[in-house]
């Protein structure tokens, strides 16, 4: 509890969660799984920015 107390209290005081960050991480993971083996990191970052920015 002591590790997550500020997050828990923040939810009850401000109704803030990290759901949007978790959703964004899931989208990035799905995108990465589609582009397995991409050798060009610059292209990968370009596509990622265009799709989810």
PDB file of N, CA and C in Angstrom:
ATOM      1  N   UNK A   1       0.822  -1.199   0.000  1.00  0.00           N
ATOM      2  CA  UNK A   1       0.000   0.000   0.000  1.00  0.00           C
ATOM      3  C   UNK A   1       0.858   1.252   0.000  1.00  0.00           C
ATOM      4  N   UNK A   2       1.949   1.240   0.736  1.00  0.00           N
ATOM      5  CA  UNK A   2       2.762   2.451   0.851  1.00  0.00           C
ATOM      6  C   UNK A   2       3.372   2.861  -0.488  1.00  0.00           C
ATOM      7  N   UNK A   3       3.634   1.892  -1.362  1.00  0.00           N
ATOM      8  CA  UNK A   3       4.196   2.226  -2.675  1.00  0.00           C
ATOM      9  C   UNK A   3       3.186   2.936  -3.568  1.00  0.00           C
ATOM     10  N   UNK A   4       1.911   2.609  -3.417  1.00  0.00           N
ATOM     11  CA  UNK A   4       0.883   3.140  -4.303  1.00  0.00           C
ATOM     12  C   UNK A   4      -0.077   4.097  -3.612  1.00  0.00           C
ATOM     13  N   UNK A   5       0.243   4.526  -2.428  1.00  0.00           N
ATOM     14  CA  UNK A   5      -0.701   5.352  -1.668  1.00  0.00           C
ATOM     15  C   UNK A   5      -1.013   6.670  -2.363  1.00  0.00           C
ATOM     16  N   UNK A   6      -0.019   7.325  -2.954  1.00  0.00           N
ATOM     17  CA  UNK A   6      -0.297   8.605  -3.623  1.00  0.00           C
ATOM     18  C   UNK A   6      -1.207   8.404  -4.828  1.00  0.00           C
ATOM     19  N   UNK A   7      -1.022   7.318  -5.560  1.00  0.00           N
ATOM     20  CA  UNK A   7      -1.883   7.041  -6.708  1.00  0.00           C
ATOM     21  C   UNK A   7      -3.307   6.759  -6.264  1.00  0.00           C
ATOM     22  N   UNK A   8      -3.461   5.993  -5.220  1.00  0.00           N
ATOM     23  CA  UNK A   8      -4.793   5.652  -4.712  1.00  0.00           C
ATOM     24  C   UNK A   8      -5.497   6.893  -4.177  1.00  0.00           C
ATOM     25  N   UNK A   9      -4.802   7.686  -3.416  1.00  0.00           N
ATOM     26  CA  UNK A   9      -5.387   8.915  -2.867  1.00  0.00           C
ATOM     27  C   UNK A   9      -5.718   9.894  -3.988  1.00  0.00           C
ATOM     28  N   UNK A  10      -4.862   9.972  -4.993  1.00  0.00           N
ATOM     29  CA  UNK A  10      -5.098  10.851  -6.132  1.00  0.00           C
ATOM     30  C   UNK A  10      -6.388  10.477  -6.852  1.00  0.00           C
ATOM     31  N   UNK A  11      -6.666   9.188  -6.964  1.00  0.00           N
ATOM     32  CA  UNK A  11      -7.903   8.762  -7.609  1.00  0.00           C
ATOM     33  C   UNK A  11      -9.120   9.257  -6.836  1.00  0.00           C
ATOM     34  N   UNK A  12      -9.117   9.093  -5.543  1.00  0.00           N
ATOM     35  CA  UNK A  12     -10.286   9.479  -4.754  1.00  0.00           C
ATOM     36  C   UNK A  12     -10.440  10.992  -4.640  1.00  0.00           C
ATOM     37  N   UNK A  13      -9.358  11.732  -4.674  1.00  0.00           N
ATOM     38  CA  UNK A  13      -9.453  13.192  -4.574  1.00  0.00           C
ATOM     39  C   UNK A  13      -9.746  13.842  -5.922  1.00  0.00           C
ATOM     40  N   UNK A  14      -9.086  13.381  -6.979  1.00  0.00           N
ATOM     41  CA  UNK A  14      -9.184  14.047  -8.279  1.00  0.00           C
ATOM     42  C   UNK A  14      -9.885  13.217  -9.351  1.00  0.00           C
ATOM     43  N   UNK A  15     -10.169  11.946  -9.053  1.00  0.00           N
ATOM     44  CA  UNK A  15     -10.741  11.010 -10.023  1.00  0.00           C
ATOM     45  C   UNK A  15      -9.833  10.853 -11.244  1.00  0.00           C
ATOM     46  N   UNK A  16      -8.541  10.819 -11.002  1.00  0.00           N
ATOM     47  CA  UNK A  16      -7.558  10.642 -12.065  1.00  0.00           C
ATOM     48  C   UNK A  16      -7.037   9.210 -12.052  1.00  0.00           C
ATOM     49  N   UNK A  17      -6.927   8.630 -13.239  1.00  0.00           N
ATOM     50  CA  UNK A  17      -6.343   7.296 -13.370  1.00  0.00           C
ATOM     51  C   UNK A  17      -5.295   7.338 -14.475  1.00  0.00           C
ATOM     52  N   UNK A  18      -4.587   6.251 -14.642  1.00  0.00           N
ATOM     53  CA  UNK A  18      -3.608   6.162 -15.714  1.00  0.00           C
ATOM     54  C   UNK A  18      -4.150   5.343 -16.882  1.00  0.00           C
ATOM     55  N   UNK A  19      -5.459   5.287 -17.023  1.00  0.00           N
ATOM     56  CA  UNK A  19      -6.083   4.486 -18.075  1.00  0.00           C
ATOM     57  C   UNK A  19      -5.670   4.955 -19.464  1.00  0.00           C
ATOM     58  N   UNK A  20      -5.553   6.253 -19.678  1.00  0.00           N
ATOM     59  CA  UNK A  20      -5.159   6.736 -21.007  1.00  0.00           C
ATOM     60  C   UNK A  20      -3.731   6.330 -21.334  1.00  0.00           C
ATOM     61  N   UNK A  21      -2.851   6.365 -20.360  1.00  0.00           N
ATOM     62  CA  UNK A  21      -1.469   5.934 -20.591  1.00  0.00           C
ATOM     63  C   UNK A  21      -1.410   4.437 -20.873  1.00  0.00           C
ATOM     64  N   UNK A  22      -2.189   3.661 -20.152  1.00  0.00           N
ATOM     65  CA  UNK A  22      -2.220   2.214 -20.387  1.00  0.00           C
ATOM     66  C   UNK A  22      -2.780   1.901 -21.766  1.00  0.00           C
ATOM     67  N   UNK A  23      -3.791   2.642 -22.184  1.00  0.00           N
ATOM     68  CA  UNK A  23      -4.366   2.448 -23.511  1.00  0.00           C
ATOM     69  C   UNK A  23      -3.351   2.772 -24.599  1.00  0.00           C
ATOM     70  N   UNK A  24      -2.618   3.853 -24.413  1.00  0.00           N
ATOM     71  CA  UNK A  24      -1.594   4.237 -25.383  1.00  0.00           C
ATOM     72  C   UNK A  24      -0.495   3.180 -25.455  1.00  0.00           C
ATOM     73  N   UNK A  25      -0.085   2.649 -24.310  1.00  0.00           N
ATOM     74  CA  UNK A  25       0.924   1.590 -24.294  1.00  0.00           C
ATOM     75  C   UNK A  25       0.428   0.350 -25.028  1.00  0.00           C
ATOM     76  N   UNK A  26      -0.838   0.012 -24.878  1.00  0.00           N
ATOM     77  CA  UNK A  26      -1.405  -1.142 -25.574  1.00  0.00           C
ATOM     78  C   UNK A  26      -1.400  -0.921 -27.081  1.00  0.00           C
ATOM     79  N   UNK A  27      -1.704   0.308 -27.513  1.00  0.00           N
ATOM     80  CA  UNK A  27      -1.672   0.614 -28.944  1.00  0.00           C
ATOM     81  C   UNK A  27      -0.266   0.485 -29.503  1.00  0.00           C
ATOM     82  N   UNK A  28       0.724   0.953 -28.757  1.00  0.00           N
ATOM     83  CA  UNK A  28       2.111   0.846 -29.205  1.00  0.00           C
ATOM     84  C   UNK A  28       2.525  -0.619 -29.299  1.00  0.00           C
ATOM     85  N   UNK A  29       2.146  -1.427 -28.325  1.00  0.00           N
ATOM     86  CA  UNK A  29       2.488  -2.850 -28.361  1.00  0.00           C
ATOM     87  C   UNK A  29       1.853  -3.534 -29.563  1.00  0.00           C
ATOM     88  N   UNK A  30       0.600  -3.221 -29.855  1.00  0.00           N
ATOM     89  CA  UNK A  30      -0.073  -3.810 -31.010  1.00  0.00           C
ATOM     90  C   UNK A  30       0.602  -3.371 -32.301  1.00  0.00           C
ATOM     91  N   UNK A  31       0.973  -2.108 -32.379  1.00  0.00           N
ATOM     92  CA  UNK A  31       1.654  -1.586 -33.562  1.00  0.00           C
ATOM     93  C   UNK A  31       3.001  -2.263 -33.750  1.00  0.00           C
ATOM     94  N   UNK A  32       3.749  -2.437 -32.657  1.00  0.00           N
ATOM     95  CA  UNK A  32       5.052  -3.101 -32.725  1.00  0.00           C
ATOM     96  C   UNK A  32       4.916  -4.541 -33.185  1.00  0.00           C
ATOM     97  N   UNK A  33       3.877  -5.218 -32.748  1.00  0.00           N
ATOM     98  CA  UNK A  33       3.705  -6.615 -33.146  1.00  0.00           C
ATOM     99  C   UNK A  33       3.401  -6.731 -34.637  1.00  0.00           C
ATOM    100  N   UNK A  34       2.769  -5.723 -35.216  1.00  0.00           N
ATOM    101  CA  UNK A  34       2.491  -5.731 -36.653  1.00  0.00           C
ATOM    102  C   UNK A  34       3.752  -5.482 -37.464  1.00  0.00           C
ATOM    103  N   UNK A  35       4.688  -4.730 -36.922  1.00  0.00           N
ATOM    104  CA  UNK A  35       5.895  -4.358 -37.663  1.00  0.00           C
ATOM    105  C   UNK A  35       7.128  -5.097 -37.153  1.00  0.00           C
ATOM    106  N   UNK A  36       6.973  -6.350 -36.837  1.00  0.00           N
ATOM    107  CA  UNK A  36       8.124  -7.129 -36.391  1.00  0.00           C
ATOM    108  C   UNK A  36       9.155  -7.231 -37.484  1.00  0.00           C
ATOM    109  N   UNK A  37      10.400  -7.086 -37.110  1.00  0.00           N
ATOM    110  CA  UNK A  37      11.476  -7.220 -38.072  1.00  0.00           C
ATOM    111  C   UNK A  37      11.766  -5.955 -38.858  1.00  0.00           C
ATOM    112  N   UNK A  38      11.164  -4.844 -38.488  1.00  0.00           N
ATOM    113  CA  UNK A  38      11.443  -3.591 -39.183  1.00  0.00           C
ATOM    114  C   UNK A  38      12.856  -3.153 -38.821  1.00  0.00           C
ATOM    115  N   UNK A  39      13.682  -3.016 -39.838  1.00  0.00           N
ATOM    116  CA  UNK A  39      15.082  -2.675 -39.596  1.00  0.00           C
ATOM    117  C   UNK A  39      15.288  -1.168 -39.465  1.00  0.00           C
ATOM    118  N   UNK A  40      14.387  -0.397 -40.056  1.00  0.00           N
ATOM    119  CA  UNK A  40      14.555   1.054 -40.084  1.00  0.00           C
ATOM    120  C   UNK A  40      13.822   1.685 -38.897  1.00  0.00           C
ATOM    121  N   UNK A  41      14.557   1.995 -37.857  1.00  0.00           N
ATOM    122  CA  UNK A  41      13.964   2.573 -36.650  1.00  0.00           C
ATOM    123  C   UNK A  41      13.363   3.950 -36.929  1.00  0.00           C
ATOM    124  N   UNK A  42      13.983   4.708 -37.806  1.00  0.00           N
ATOM    125  CA  UNK A  42      13.476   6.043 -38.145  1.00  0.00           C
ATOM    126  C   UNK A  42      12.079   5.940 -38.769  1.00  0.00           C
ATOM    127  N   UNK A  43      11.900   4.970 -39.667  1.00  0.00           N
ATOM    128  CA  UNK A  43      10.592   4.754 -40.286  1.00  0.00           C
ATOM    129  C   UNK A  43       9.560   4.310 -39.249  1.00  0.00           C
ATOM    130  N   UNK A  44       9.971   3.430 -38.344  1.00  0.00           N
ATOM    131  CA  UNK A  44       9.076   2.961 -37.289  1.00  0.00           C
ATOM    132  C   UNK A  44       8.584   4.126 -36.447  1.00  0.00           C
ATOM    133  N   UNK A  45       9.484   5.004 -36.042  1.00  0.00           N
ATOM    134  CA  UNK A  45       9.099   6.153 -35.221  1.00  0.00           C
ATOM    135  C   UNK A  45       8.208   7.116 -36.007  1.00  0.00           C
ATOM    136  N   UNK A  46       8.481   7.273 -37.303  1.00  0.00           N
ATOM    137  CA  UNK A  46       7.651   8.128 -38.154  1.00  0.00           C
ATOM    138  C   UNK A  46       6.222   7.595 -38.205  1.00  0.00           C
ATOM    139  N   UNK A  47       6.076   6.291 -38.455  1.00  0.00           N
ATOM    140  CA  UNK A  47       4.748   5.694 -38.532  1.00  0.00           C
ATOM    141  C   UNK A  47       4.018   5.776 -37.189  1.00  0.00           C
ATOM    142  N   UNK A  48       4.744   5.548 -36.125  1.00  0.00           N
ATOM    143  CA  UNK A  48       4.152   5.613 -34.794  1.00  0.00           C
ATOM    144  C   UNK A  48       3.623   7.016 -34.507  1.00  0.00           C
ATOM    145  N   UNK A  49       4.402   8.023 -34.858  1.00  0.00           N
ATOM    146  CA  UNK A  49       3.983   9.408 -34.629  1.00  0.00           C
ATOM    147  C   UNK A  49       2.777   9.772 -35.489  1.00  0.00           C
ATOM    148  N   UNK A  50       2.748   9.297 -36.726  1.00  0.00           N
ATOM    149  CA  UNK A  50       1.637   9.623 -37.621  1.00  0.00           C
ATOM    150  C   UNK A  50       0.336   8.951 -37.195  1.00  0.00           C
ATOM    151  N   UNK A  51       0.424   7.748 -36.681  1.00  0.00           N
ATOM    152  CA  UNK A  51      -0.789   7.025 -36.317  1.00  0.00           C
ATOM    153  C   UNK A  51      -1.360   7.435 -34.969  1.00  0.00           C
ATOM    154  N   UNK A  52      -0.500   7.709 -33.990  1.00  0.00           N
ATOM    155  CA  UNK A  52      -0.987   7.891 -32.625  1.00  0.00           C
ATOM    156  C   UNK A  52      -0.699   9.260 -32.032  1.00  0.00           C
ATOM    157  N   UNK A  53      -0.175  10.184 -32.793  1.00  0.00           N
ATOM    158  CA  UNK A  53       0.120  11.509 -32.241  1.00  0.00           C
ATOM    159  C   UNK A  53      -1.046  12.448 -32.442  1.00  0.00           C
TER     160      UNK A  53
END
